[in-house]
Amino acid sequence: MGTDPDRWDDESSAESTGEYEEWSERRIHRSDSRQEALGYQLEHVQQQLALQAMVLCDDFGEVVASAGSRRVIDGLSAQIPWLISTPPALFGRSLGYMWEVCPDIDEEQIALCTLSVQGEHPLLVLCGIGDTADLDEGVAHVARGVDRIIRTMRN
């Protein structure tokens, strides 16, 4: 059974008191700072899906926002320039350093999404790492949130 990413956005889909409390807490956990808001967005999905890490960086690997294990975040951001130029089927060839950080990782446990937001750095990269069937959906959900935050909030 997969996680329904729409439940992160819709109060009516909370199936239990626990899910409603998580939804309610996320709605209270807000910031006027774009940097902080991006961090909250990544952290929410990283925790919901029990991912090792999520990182948003530029195409040079400079971290914009992140959530999860600092060691994994550093490893992912260092690999971003290579990962974005590698077809997903060949990620294994670009994961040399990541194997030192996460020895059991394989290309199916990494989801990558590039974002181009008008008026900002030409390319942002969102990357999630974890062993869940919902990884791609979670990264897509965060990508929509990141796009909204960047378009609507000033630095």
Protein backbone atom coordinates (compact mmCIF):
# COMPACT_ATOMS: atom_id res chain seq x y z
CA MET A 1 0.00 0.00 0.00
CA GLY A 2 1.49 3.36 -1.06
CA THR A 3 1.33 6.65 0.73
CA ASP A 4 -1.15 9.10 -0.76
CA PRO A 5 0.77 12.36 -1.25
CA ASP A 6 -2.51 14.30 -1.55
CA ARG A 7 -3.16 13.67 2.12
CA TRP A 8 -0.32 16.06 2.90
CA ASP A 9 -2.40 18.88 1.47
CA ASP A 10 -5.99 18.03 2.37
CA GLU A 11 -7.44 18.05 5.89
CA SER A 12 -10.44 15.98 4.82
CA SER A 13 -8.23 13.04 3.87
CA ALA A 14 -6.89 12.56 7.40
CA GLU A 15 -7.90 8.99 8.20
CA SER A 16 -7.06 9.12 11.87
CA THR A 17 -6.51 11.59 14.66
CA GLY A 18 -2.75 11.07 14.28
CA GLU A 19 -2.81 12.01 10.61
CA TYR A 20 -4.96 15.07 11.36
CA GLU A 21 -2.49 16.13 14.07
CA GLU A 22 0.40 15.78 11.59
CA TRP A 23 -1.52 17.84 9.01
CA SER A 24 -2.45 20.42 11.62
CA GLU A 25 1.13 20.66 12.91
CA ARG A 26 2.44 21.24 9.37
CA ARG A 27 -0.10 23.98 8.83
CA ILE A 28 1.04 25.69 12.05
CA HIS A 29 4.74 25.20 11.21
CA ARG A 30 5.11 28.22 8.88
CA SER A 31 7.73 30.86 8.22
CA ASP A 32 7.99 34.24 6.54
CA SER A 33 11.54 33.34 5.55
CA ARG A 34 11.81 31.61 2.19
CA GLN A 35 14.87 29.66 3.35
CA GLU A 36 13.08 28.38 6.44
CA ALA A 37 9.89 27.58 4.50
CA LEU A 38 11.88 25.51 2.01
CA GLY A 39 13.49 23.63 4.89
CA TYR A 40 10.08 22.92 6.45
CA GLN A 41 8.76 21.63 3.11
CA LEU A 42 11.64 19.20 2.69
CA GLU A 43 11.61 18.15 6.34
CA HIS A 44 7.89 17.33 6.30
CA VAL A 45 8.10 14.87 3.41
CA GLN A 46 11.47 13.50 4.56
CA GLN A 47 9.88 12.60 7.90
CA GLN A 48 6.58 11.37 6.41
CA LEU A 49 8.39 8.91 4.13
CA ALA A 50 11.24 8.14 6.57
CA LEU A 51 13.79 9.14 3.94
CA GLN A 52 17.47 9.28 4.79
CA ALA A 53 17.65 12.77 3.33
CA MET A 54 16.23 15.35 0.95
CA VAL A 55 18.32 18.13 -0.49
CA LEU A 56 17.57 21.12 -2.70
CA CYS A 57 20.66 22.57 -4.34
CA ASP A 58 21.81 24.39 -7.39
CA ASP A 59 23.35 22.49 -10.27
CA PHE A 60 26.82 22.98 -8.74
CA GLY A 61 25.78 21.19 -5.53
CA GLU A 62 25.42 24.30 -3.34
CA VAL A 63 22.75 23.44 -0.75
CA VAL A 64 19.69 25.72 -0.66
CA ALA A 65 17.64 23.65 1.81
CA SER A 66 17.86 20.17 3.26
CA ALA A 67 16.42 17.68 5.72
CA GLY A 68 17.73 14.44 7.16
CA SER A 69 21.15 12.98 7.81
CA ARG A 70 23.87 15.64 7.44
CA ARG A 71 26.33 13.04 6.14
CA VAL A 72 23.89 11.90 3.42
CA ILE A 73 23.00 15.51 2.55
CA ASP A 74 26.67 16.34 2.08
CA GLY A 75 27.13 13.22 -0.05
CA LEU A 76 24.11 13.98 -2.23
CA SER A 77 25.04 17.62 -2.77
CA ALA A 78 28.58 16.60 -3.76
CA GLN A 79 27.15 14.19 -6.35
CA ILE A 80 24.49 16.52 -7.83
CA PRO A 81 26.65 17.83 -10.72
CA TRP A 82 27.23 14.24 -11.85
CA LEU A 83 23.74 12.94 -11.13
CA ILE A 84 22.00 15.63 -13.20
CA SER A 85 24.11 14.78 -16.22
CA THR A 86 23.53 11.03 -15.89
CA PRO A 87 20.44 9.18 -17.14
CA PRO A 88 18.63 7.59 -14.15
CA ALA A 89 19.29 4.09 -15.49
CA LEU A 90 23.02 4.79 -15.15
CA PHE A 91 22.99 6.43 -11.69
CA GLY A 92 25.06 3.54 -10.39
CA ARG A 93 28.07 4.89 -12.27
CA SER A 94 27.72 8.28 -10.55
CA LEU A 95 27.25 6.91 -7.04
CA GLY A 96 30.85 6.07 -6.20
CA TYR A 97 31.10 8.55 -3.33
CA MET A 98 27.57 7.80 -2.13
CA TRP A 99 28.52 4.15 -1.63
CA GLU A 100 31.03 5.30 0.97
CA VAL A 101 28.31 7.30 2.75
CA CYS A 102 25.44 4.80 2.21
CA PRO A 103 26.94 1.40 1.31
CA ASP A 104 23.56 -0.24 0.63
CA ILE A 105 22.20 2.46 -1.69
CA ASP A 106 21.24 1.73 -5.26
CA GLU A 107 19.88 3.87 -8.06
CA GLU A 108 16.28 2.90 -7.28
CA GLN A 109 16.59 4.60 -3.88
CA ILE A 110 17.37 8.00 -5.37
CA ALA A 111 14.82 10.33 -6.93
CA LEU A 112 15.95 13.44 -8.72
CA CYS A 113 13.95 16.37 -10.03
CA THR A 114 15.21 19.51 -11.73
CA LEU A 115 13.35 22.79 -11.28
CA SER A 116 13.62 25.96 -13.28
CA VAL A 117 12.00 28.88 -11.51
CA GLN A 118 11.65 32.13 -13.44
CA GLY A 119 13.78 34.93 -12.05
CA GLU A 120 15.93 32.60 -9.96
CA HIS A 121 19.05 30.55 -10.54
CA PRO A 122 18.50 28.80 -13.87
CA LEU A 123 18.43 25.34 -12.37
CA LEU A 124 17.63 23.91 -8.96
CA VAL A 125 17.90 20.21 -8.21
CA LEU A 126 15.78 18.35 -5.67
CA CYS A 127 17.03 14.95 -4.60
CA GLY A 128 15.60 12.43 -2.17
CA ILE A 129 17.20 9.25 -0.93
CA GLY A 130 15.41 6.43 0.83
CA ASP A 131 13.97 2.97 0.54
CA THR A 132 10.28 3.59 -0.12
CA ALA A 133 7.95 2.92 -3.02
CA ASP A 134 6.65 6.49 -2.65
CA LEU A 135 10.00 8.21 -3.20
CA ASP A 136 9.19 9.59 -6.67
CA GLU A 137 5.76 10.84 -5.52
CA GLY A 138 7.30 12.44 -2.43
CA VAL A 139 9.95 14.25 -4.45
CA ALA A 140 7.32 15.43 -6.95
CA HIS A 141 5.19 16.72 -4.05
CA VAL A 142 8.15 18.65 -2.60
CA ALA A 143 9.02 20.02 -6.07
CA ARG A 144 5.53 21.54 -6.34
CA GLY A 145 5.91 23.07 -2.87
CA VAL A 146 9.38 24.43 -3.64
CA ASP A 147 8.11 26.00 -6.85
CA ARG A 148 5.21 27.63 -5.00
CA ILE A 149 7.44 28.91 -2.17
CA ILE A 150 10.02 30.39 -4.54
CA ARG A 151 7.39 32.04 -6.75
CA THR A 152 5.41 33.55 -3.89
CA MET A 153 7.98 34.46 -1.24
CA ARG A 154 10.75 37.03 -1.27
CA ASN A 155 14.13 36.23 0.28
